[in-house]
Every structure is written in structure tokens, then in C-alpha cells.
Amino acid sequence: MSETIGLRPHNAWLECIEKALEGLEYGTVQITVHDGQIVQIDRTEKMRFPVAAKMAAKGQAAAAGMKQENNEAGSKRHR
């Protein structure tokens, strides 16, 4: 560890890291180091959707479930 403290990273490393961070709103940039050298940079991007869309989807699913229950109850009454 003490051998690499004084070393400055190569500009290419910094450029790759900056490129991996560009436009990243949610996710991770993972830097893999072996023997004090960067050997790999991984970028994982996550897409997040607004909570309102999730709630609307849940509301629609619940409404569909209630409609189905009402239809089943109605068909039982007509037998």
C-alpha cells in the first residue's frame, strides 16, 4: 500500500472513470484494483420510476381485482 500512495493515477484512468460517471443518476461505478493498478471499471445503471406511477399501477390492479370479485359475486347470485 505504501508503495502506491505517492503514485498519481494515469489520465486514462481518470478519463474512464469520468466517462463511467457521465449521465449516471442511479447506479454504481466499481473500480477493480490489482497490485495497485486499476484493471477494470464496471458501470451499473439503475432506472427508477416515479412513485406516482407505482401507486397508479397498484390502484389499477386493486380496481381490477375488485371488479373481478364483483363479477364473481354477481354470477353466483344469478345461478
PDB file of N, CA and C in Angstrom:
ATOM      1  N   MET A   1       0.824  -1.188   0.000  1.00  0.00           N
ATOM      2  CA  MET A   1       0.000   0.000   0.000  1.00  0.00           C
ATOM      3  C   MET A   1       0.864   1.246   0.000  1.00  0.00           C
ATOM      4  N   SER A   2       1.915   1.278   0.822  1.00  0.00           N
ATOM      5  CA  SER A   2       2.760   2.467   0.904  1.00  0.00           C
ATOM      6  C   SER A   2       3.510   2.712  -0.398  1.00  0.00           C
ATOM      7  N   GLU A   3       3.716   1.667  -1.203  1.00  0.00           N
ATOM      8  CA  GLU A   3       4.413   1.837  -2.475  1.00  0.00           C
ATOM      9  C   GLU A   3       3.578   2.629  -3.479  1.00  0.00           C
ATOM     10  N   THR A   4       2.269   2.536  -3.404  1.00  0.00           N
ATOM     11  CA  THR A   4       1.430   3.177  -4.411  1.00  0.00           C
ATOM     12  C   THR A   4       0.839   4.506  -3.960  1.00  0.00           C
ATOM     13  N   ILE A   5       1.048   4.890  -2.708  1.00  0.00           N
ATOM     14  CA  ILE A   5       0.460   6.134  -2.212  1.00  0.00           C
ATOM     15  C   ILE A   5       0.967   7.336  -3.000  1.00  0.00           C
ATOM     16  N   GLY A   6       2.249   7.388  -3.287  1.00  0.00           N
ATOM     17  CA  GLY A   6       2.822   8.530  -3.980  1.00  0.00           C
ATOM     18  C   GLY A   6       2.564   8.534  -5.477  1.00  0.00           C
ATOM     19  N   LEU A   7       2.068   7.452  -6.026  1.00  0.00           N
ATOM     20  CA  LEU A   7       1.826   7.393  -7.466  1.00  0.00           C
ATOM     21  C   LEU A   7       0.535   8.110  -7.827  1.00  0.00           C
ATOM     22  N   ARG A   8       0.598   8.884  -8.912  1.00  0.00           N
ATOM     23  CA  ARG A   8      -0.616   9.548  -9.397  1.00  0.00           C
ATOM     24  C   ARG A   8      -1.276   8.647 -10.427  1.00  0.00           C
ATOM     25  N   PRO A   9      -2.605   8.597 -10.442  1.00  0.00           N
ATOM     26  CA  PRO A   9      -3.277   7.752 -11.429  1.00  0.00           C
ATOM     27  C   PRO A   9      -3.048   8.279 -12.840  1.00  0.00           C
ATOM     28  N   HIS A  10      -3.034   7.377 -13.773  1.00  0.00           N
ATOM     29  CA  HIS A  10      -2.885   7.763 -15.172  1.00  0.00           C
ATOM     30  C   HIS A  10      -4.107   8.565 -15.600  1.00  0.00           C
ATOM     31  N   ASN A  11      -3.890   9.518 -16.511  1.00  0.00           N
ATOM     32  CA  ASN A  11      -5.010  10.307 -17.013  1.00  0.00           C
ATOM     33  C   ASN A  11      -6.059   9.422 -17.674  1.00  0.00           C
ATOM     34  N   ALA A  12      -5.637   8.332 -18.283  1.00  0.00           N
ATOM     35  CA  ALA A  12      -6.584   7.418 -18.933  1.00  0.00           C
ATOM     36  C   ALA A  12      -7.557   6.843 -17.907  1.00  0.00           C
ATOM     37  N   TRP A  13      -7.072   6.535 -16.711  1.00  0.00           N
ATOM     38  CA  TRP A  13      -7.949   6.012 -15.664  1.00  0.00           C
ATOM     39  C   TRP A  13      -9.014   7.049 -15.319  1.00  0.00           C
ATOM     40  N   LEU A  14      -8.542   8.282 -15.107  1.00  0.00           N
ATOM     41  CA  LEU A  14      -9.469   9.349 -14.736  1.00  0.00           C
ATOM     42  C   LEU A  14     -10.499   9.584 -15.831  1.00  0.00           C
ATOM     43  N   GLU A  15     -10.062   9.544 -17.073  1.00  0.00           N
ATOM     44  CA  GLU A  15     -10.988   9.735 -18.189  1.00  0.00           C
ATOM     45  C   GLU A  15     -12.035   8.624 -18.227  1.00  0.00           C
ATOM     46  N   CYS A  16     -11.612   7.399 -17.997  1.00  0.00           N
ATOM     47  CA  CYS A  16     -12.552   6.266 -17.987  1.00  0.00           C
ATOM     48  C   CYS A  16     -13.543   6.382 -16.836  1.00  0.00           C
ATOM     49  N   ILE A  17     -13.066   6.801 -15.689  1.00  0.00           N
ATOM     50  CA  ILE A  17     -13.943   6.957 -14.526  1.00  0.00           C
ATOM     51  C   ILE A  17     -14.940   8.087 -14.777  1.00  0.00           C
ATOM     52  N   GLU A  18     -14.461   9.211 -15.320  1.00  0.00           N
ATOM     53  CA  GLU A  18     -15.356  10.325 -15.641  1.00  0.00           C
ATOM     54  C   GLU A  18     -16.413   9.896 -16.649  1.00  0.00           C
ATOM     55  N   LYS A  19     -15.995   9.142 -17.661  1.00  0.00           N
ATOM     56  CA  LYS A  19     -16.930   8.669 -18.682  1.00  0.00           C
ATOM     57  C   LYS A  19     -17.981   7.747 -18.063  1.00  0.00           C
ATOM     58  N   ALA A  20     -17.558   6.891 -17.138  1.00  0.00           N
ATOM     59  CA  ALA A  20     -18.491   5.977 -16.470  1.00  0.00           C
ATOM     60  C   ALA A  20     -19.504   6.742 -15.617  1.00  0.00           C
ATOM     61  N   LEU A  21     -19.100   7.888 -15.089  1.00  0.00           N
ATOM     62  CA  LEU A  21     -19.982   8.680 -14.236  1.00  0.00           C
ATOM     63  C   LEU A  21     -20.923   9.587 -15.022  1.00  0.00           C
ATOM     64  N   GLU A  22     -20.596   9.872 -16.282  1.00  0.00           N
ATOM     65  CA  GLU A  22     -21.404  10.786 -17.092  1.00  0.00           C
ATOM     66  C   GLU A  22     -22.835  10.287 -17.216  1.00  0.00           C
ATOM     67  N   GLY A  23     -23.770  11.144 -16.880  1.00  0.00           N
ATOM     68  CA  GLY A  23     -25.182  10.831 -17.044  1.00  0.00           C
ATOM     69  C   GLY A  23     -25.739   9.791 -16.089  1.00  0.00           C
ATOM     70  N   LEU A  24     -24.945   9.343 -15.153  1.00  0.00           N
ATOM     71  CA  LEU A  24     -25.398   8.318 -14.209  1.00  0.00           C
ATOM     72  C   LEU A  24     -26.205   8.983 -13.099  1.00  0.00           C
ATOM     73  N   GLU A  25     -27.509   8.681 -13.048  1.00  0.00           N
ATOM     74  CA  GLU A  25     -28.359   9.241 -11.998  1.00  0.00           C
ATOM     75  C   GLU A  25     -28.454   8.296 -10.811  1.00  0.00           C
ATOM     76  N   TYR A  26     -28.652   7.008 -11.094  1.00  0.00           N
ATOM     77  CA  TYR A  26     -28.726   5.986 -10.051  1.00  0.00           C
ATOM     78  C   TYR A  26     -27.895   4.803 -10.517  1.00  0.00           C
ATOM     79  N   GLY A  27     -27.059   4.287  -9.664  1.00  0.00           N
ATOM     80  CA  GLY A  27     -26.265   3.126 -10.026  1.00  0.00           C
ATOM     81  C   GLY A  27     -24.929   3.126  -9.317  1.00  0.00           C
ATOM     82  N   THR A  28     -24.006   2.341  -9.859  1.00  0.00           N
ATOM     83  CA  THR A  28     -22.687   2.225  -9.251  1.00  0.00           C
ATOM     84  C   THR A  28     -21.603   2.247 -10.312  1.00  0.00           C
ATOM     85  N   VAL A  29     -20.446   2.742  -9.910  1.00  0.00           N
ATOM     86  CA  VAL A  29     -19.229   2.613 -10.700  1.00  0.00           C
ATOM     87  C   VAL A  29     -18.256   1.874  -9.797  1.00  0.00           C
ATOM     88  N   GLN A  30     -17.849   0.696 -10.224  1.00  0.00           N
ATOM     89  CA  GLN A  30     -16.969  -0.151  -9.415  1.00  0.00           C
ATOM     90  C   GLN A  30     -15.601  -0.193 -10.078  1.00  0.00           C
ATOM     91  N   ILE A  31     -14.575   0.089  -9.298  1.00  0.00           N
ATOM     92  CA  ILE A  31     -13.197   0.092  -9.789  1.00  0.00           C
ATOM     93  C   ILE A  31     -12.477  -1.089  -9.162  1.00  0.00           C
ATOM     94  N   THR A  32     -11.945  -1.969 -10.000  1.00  0.00           N
ATOM     95  CA  THR A  32     -11.221  -3.145  -9.526  1.00  0.00           C
ATOM     96  C   THR A  32      -9.726  -2.865  -9.624  1.00  0.00           C
ATOM     97  N   VAL A  33      -9.024  -3.088  -8.508  1.00  0.00           N
ATOM     98  CA  VAL A  33      -7.586  -2.805  -8.434  1.00  0.00           C
ATOM     99  C   VAL A  33      -6.837  -4.088  -8.091  1.00  0.00           C
ATOM    100  N   HIS A  34      -5.772  -4.365  -8.826  1.00  0.00           N
ATOM    101  CA  HIS A  34      -4.874  -5.492  -8.548  1.00  0.00           C
ATOM    102  C   HIS A  34      -3.451  -4.955  -8.508  1.00  0.00           C
ATOM    103  N   ASP A  35      -2.746  -5.267  -7.440  1.00  0.00           N
ATOM    104  CA  ASP A  35      -1.356  -4.824  -7.273  1.00  0.00           C
ATOM    105  C   ASP A  35      -1.201  -3.321  -7.478  1.00  0.00           C
ATOM    106  N   GLY A  36      -2.158  -2.553  -6.960  1.00  0.00           N
ATOM    107  CA  GLY A  36      -2.066  -1.100  -7.035  1.00  0.00           C
ATOM    108  C   GLY A  36      -2.409  -0.507  -8.387  1.00  0.00           C
ATOM    109  N   GLN A  37      -2.893  -1.305  -9.311  1.00  0.00           N
ATOM    110  CA  GLN A  37      -3.232  -0.827 -10.651  1.00  0.00           C
ATOM    111  C   GLN A  37      -4.714  -1.058 -10.919  1.00  0.00           C
ATOM    112  N   ILE A  38      -5.363  -0.082 -11.526  1.00  0.00           N
ATOM    113  CA  ILE A  38      -6.752  -0.265 -11.934  1.00  0.00           C
ATOM    114  C   ILE A  38      -6.757  -1.214 -13.118  1.00  0.00           C
ATOM    115  N   VAL A  39      -7.515  -2.292 -12.995  1.00  0.00           N
ATOM    116  CA  VAL A  39      -7.573  -3.276 -14.078  1.00  0.00           C
ATOM    117  C   VAL A  39      -8.962  -3.361 -14.707  1.00  0.00           C
ATOM    118  N   GLN A  40      -9.969  -2.788 -14.028  1.00  0.00           N
ATOM    119  CA  GLN A  40     -11.322  -2.899 -14.563  1.00  0.00           C
ATOM    120  C   GLN A  40     -12.206  -1.821 -13.961  1.00  0.00           C
ATOM    121  N   ILE A  41     -13.094  -1.272 -14.787  1.00  0.00           N
ATOM    122  CA  ILE A  41     -14.090  -0.312 -14.325  1.00  0.00           C
ATOM    123  C   ILE A  41     -15.443  -0.810 -14.815  1.00  0.00           C
ATOM    124  N   ASP A  42     -16.366  -1.046 -13.884  1.00  0.00           N
ATOM    125  CA  ASP A  42     -17.712  -1.517 -14.218  1.00  0.00           C
ATOM    126  C   ASP A  42     -18.720  -0.433 -13.875  1.00  0.00           C
ATOM    127  N   ARG A  43     -19.689  -0.268 -14.756  1.00  0.00           N
ATOM    128  CA  ARG A  43     -20.779   0.687 -14.515  1.00  0.00           C
ATOM    129  C   ARG A  43     -22.097  -0.079 -14.545  1.00  0.00           C
ATOM    130  N   THR A  44     -22.879   0.096 -13.499  1.00  0.00           N
ATOM    131  CA  THR A  44     -24.207  -0.499 -13.433  1.00  0.00           C
ATOM    132  C   THR A  44     -25.199   0.640 -13.272  1.00  0.00           C
ATOM    133  N   GLU A  45     -26.100   0.759 -14.223  1.00  0.00           N
ATOM    134  CA  GLU A  45     -27.086   1.839 -14.178  1.00  0.00           C
ATOM    135  C   GLU A  45     -28.445   1.277 -13.790  1.00  0.00           C
ATOM    136  N   LYS A  46     -29.115   1.986 -12.906  1.00  0.00           N
ATOM    137  CA  LYS A  46     -30.455   1.585 -12.481  1.00  0.00           C
ATOM    138  C   LYS A  46     -31.438   2.631 -12.981  1.00  0.00           C
ATOM    139  N   MET A  47     -32.591   2.167 -13.371  1.00  0.00           N
ATOM    140  CA  MET A  47     -33.635   3.088 -13.813  1.00  0.00           C
ATOM    141  C   MET A  47     -34.710   3.126 -12.735  1.00  0.00           C
ATOM    142  N   ARG A  48     -35.002   4.306 -12.268  1.00  0.00           N
ATOM    143  CA  ARG A  48     -36.019   4.474 -11.235  1.00  0.00           C
ATOM    144  C   ARG A  48     -37.235   5.138 -11.862  1.00  0.00           C
ATOM    145  N   PHE A  49     -38.388   4.711 -11.427  1.00  0.00           N
ATOM    146  CA  PHE A  49     -39.630   5.253 -11.941  1.00  0.00           C
ATOM    147  C   PHE A  49     -40.337   6.004 -10.822  1.00  0.00           C
ATOM    148  N   PRO A  50     -41.072   7.051 -11.171  1.00  0.00           N
ATOM    149  CA  PRO A  50     -41.737   7.858 -10.143  1.00  0.00           C
ATOM    150  C   PRO A  50     -42.688   7.024  -9.294  1.00  0.00           C
ATOM    151  N   VAL A  51     -42.806   7.405  -8.043  1.00  0.00           N
ATOM    152  CA  VAL A  51     -43.679   6.702  -7.111  1.00  0.00           C
ATOM    153  C   VAL A  51     -45.125   6.800  -7.581  1.00  0.00           C
ATOM    154  N   ALA A  52     -45.511   7.920  -8.182  1.00  0.00           N
ATOM    155  CA  ALA A  52     -46.885   8.098  -8.643  1.00  0.00           C
ATOM    156  C   ALA A  52     -47.257   7.008  -9.643  1.00  0.00           C
ATOM    157  N   ALA A  53     -46.342   6.640 -10.506  1.00  0.00           N
ATOM    158  CA  ALA A  53     -46.620   5.590 -11.487  1.00  0.00           C
ATOM    159  C   ALA A  53     -46.841   4.257 -10.780  1.00  0.00           C
ATOM    160  N   LYS A  54     -46.053   3.986  -9.747  1.00  0.00           N
ATOM    161  CA  LYS A  54     -46.217   2.744  -8.988  1.00  0.00           C
ATOM    162  C   LYS A  54     -47.569   2.726  -8.284  1.00  0.00           C
ATOM    163  N   MET A  55     -47.917   3.856  -7.697  1.00  0.00           N
ATOM    164  CA  MET A  55     -49.174   3.914  -6.961  1.00  0.00           C
ATOM    165  C   MET A  55     -50.355   3.783  -7.919  1.00  0.00           C
ATOM    166  N   ALA A  56     -50.258   4.401  -9.094  1.00  0.00           N
ATOM    167  CA  ALA A  56     -51.336   4.295 -10.075  1.00  0.00           C
ATOM    168  C   ALA A  56     -51.488   2.851 -10.524  1.00  0.00           C
ATOM    169  N   ALA A  57     -50.366   2.182 -10.734  1.00  0.00           N
ATOM    170  CA  ALA A  57     -50.409   0.778 -11.149  1.00  0.00           C
ATOM    171  C   ALA A  57     -51.044  -0.079 -10.056  1.00  0.00           C
ATOM    172  N   LYS A  58     -50.701   0.188  -8.803  1.00  0.00           N
ATOM    173  CA  LYS A  58     -51.300  -0.563  -7.695  1.00  0.00           C
ATOM    174  C   LYS A  58     -52.793  -0.293  -7.620  1.00  0.00           C
ATOM    175  N   GLY A  59     -53.185   0.961  -7.833  1.00  0.00           N
ATOM    176  CA  GLY A  59     -54.593   1.323  -7.799  1.00  0.00           C
ATOM    177  C   GLY A  59     -55.372   0.636  -8.902  1.00  0.00           C
ATOM    178  N   GLN A  60     -54.781   0.562 -10.091  1.00  0.00           N
ATOM    179  CA  GLN A  60     -55.440  -0.111 -11.207  1.00  0.00           C
ATOM    180  C   GLN A  60     -55.567  -1.602 -10.928  1.00  0.00           C
ATOM    181  N   ALA A  61     -54.526  -2.188 -10.367  1.00  0.00           N
ATOM    182  CA  ALA A  61     -54.562  -3.618 -10.053  1.00  0.00           C
ATOM    183  C   ALA A  61     -55.621  -3.892  -8.990  1.00  0.00           C
ATOM    184  N   ALA A  62     -55.699  -3.032  -7.999  1.00  0.00           N
ATOM    185  CA  ALA A  62     -56.697  -3.212  -6.944  1.00  0.00           C
ATOM    186  C   ALA A  62     -58.099  -3.049  -7.513  1.00  0.00           C
ATOM    187  N   ALA A  63     -58.277  -2.057  -8.394  1.00  0.00           N
ATOM    188  CA  ALA A  63     -59.587  -1.839  -9.008  1.00  0.00           C
ATOM    189  C   ALA A  63     -59.974  -3.032  -9.871  1.00  0.00           C
ATOM    190  N   ALA A  64     -59.017  -3.578 -10.600  1.00  0.00           N
ATOM    191  CA  ALA A  64     -59.288  -4.752 -11.436  1.00  0.00           C
ATOM    192  C   ALA A  64     -59.661  -5.943 -10.564  1.00  0.00           C
ATOM    193  N   GLY A  65     -58.997  -6.093  -9.443  1.00  0.00           N
ATOM    194  CA  GLY A  65     -59.300  -7.185  -8.518  1.00  0.00           C
ATOM    195  C   GLY A  65     -60.693  -7.043  -7.935  1.00  0.00           C
ATOM    196  N   MET A  66     -61.065  -5.816  -7.577  1.00  0.00           N
ATOM    197  CA  MET A  66     -62.398  -5.587  -7.027  1.00  0.00           C
ATOM    198  C   MET A  66     -63.459  -5.839  -8.090  1.00  0.00           C
ATOM    199  N   LYS A  67     -63.182  -5.423  -9.320  1.00  0.00           N
ATOM    200  CA  LYS A  67     -64.132  -5.631 -10.407  1.00  0.00           C
ATOM    201  C   LYS A  67     -64.346  -7.128 -10.630  1.00  0.00           C
ATOM    202  N   GLN A  68     -63.251  -7.883 -10.604  1.00  0.00           N
ATOM    203  CA  GLN A  68     -63.344  -9.330 -10.792  1.00  0.00           C
ATOM    204  C   GLN A  68     -64.141  -9.957  -9.648  1.00  0.00           C
ATOM    205  N   GLU A  69     -63.889  -9.525  -8.426  1.00  0.00           N
ATOM    206  CA  GLU A  69     -64.628 -10.051  -7.271  1.00  0.00           C
ATOM    207  C   GLU A  69     -66.114  -9.747  -7.404  1.00  0.00           C
ATOM    208  N   ASN A  70     -66.445  -8.521  -7.837  1.00  0.00           N
ATOM    209  CA  ASN A  70     -67.847  -8.142  -8.011  1.00  0.00           C
ATOM    210  C   ASN A  70     -68.506  -8.981  -9.097  1.00  0.00           C
ATOM    211  N   ASN A  71     -67.784  -9.224 -10.187  1.00  0.00           N
ATOM    212  CA  ASN A  71     -68.328 -10.048 -11.266  1.00  0.00           C
ATOM    213  C   ASN A  71     -68.583 -11.473 -10.786  1.00  0.00           C
ATOM    214  N   GLU A  72     -67.656 -12.018 -10.017  1.00  0.00           N
ATOM    215  CA  GLU A  72     -67.819 -13.377  -9.497  1.00  0.00           C
ATOM    216  C   GLU A  72     -68.999 -13.446  -8.535  1.00  0.00           C
ATOM    217  N   ALA A  73     -69.134 -12.437  -7.694  1.00  0.00           N
ATOM    218  CA  ALA A  73     -70.246 -12.415  -6.737  1.00  0.00           C
ATOM    219  C   ALA A  73     -71.568 -12.291  -7.479  1.00  0.00           C
ATOM    220  N   GLY A  74     -71.596 -11.470  -8.526  1.00  0.00           N
ATOM    221  CA  GLY A  74     -72.811 -11.298  -9.317  1.00  0.00           C
ATOM    222  C   GLY A  74     -73.197 -12.563 -10.042  1.00  0.00           C
ATOM    223  N   SER A  75     -72.220 -13.292 -10.561  1.00  0.00           N
ATOM    224  CA  SER A  75     -72.535 -14.524 -11.287  1.00  0.00           C
ATOM    225  C   SER A  75     -73.033 -15.604 -10.331  1.00  0.00           C
ATOM    226  N   LYS A  76     -72.594 -15.581  -9.088  1.00  0.00           N
ATOM    227  CA  LYS A  76     -73.069 -16.558  -8.104  1.00  0.00           C
ATOM    228  C   LYS A  76     -74.527 -16.283  -7.748  1.00  0.00           C
ATOM    229  N   ARG A  77     -74.889 -14.998  -7.717  1.00  0.00           N
ATOM    230  CA  ARG A  77     -76.261 -14.633  -7.370  1.00  0.00           C
ATOM    231  C   ARG A  77     -77.239 -15.044  -8.467  1.00  0.00           C
ATOM    232  N   HIS A  78     -76.768 -15.035  -9.710  1.00  0.00           N
ATOM    233  CA  HIS A  78     -77.658 -15.327 -10.834  1.00  0.00           C
ATOM    234  C   HIS A  78     -77.796 -16.814 -11.110  1.00  0.00           C
ATOM    235  N   ARG A  79     -77.189 -17.660 -10.354  1.00  0.00           N
ATOM    236  CA  ARG A  79     -77.267 -19.115 -10.583  1.00  0.00           C
ATOM    237  C   ARG A  79     -78.525 -19.686 -10.067  1.00  0.00           C
TER     238      ARG A  79
END
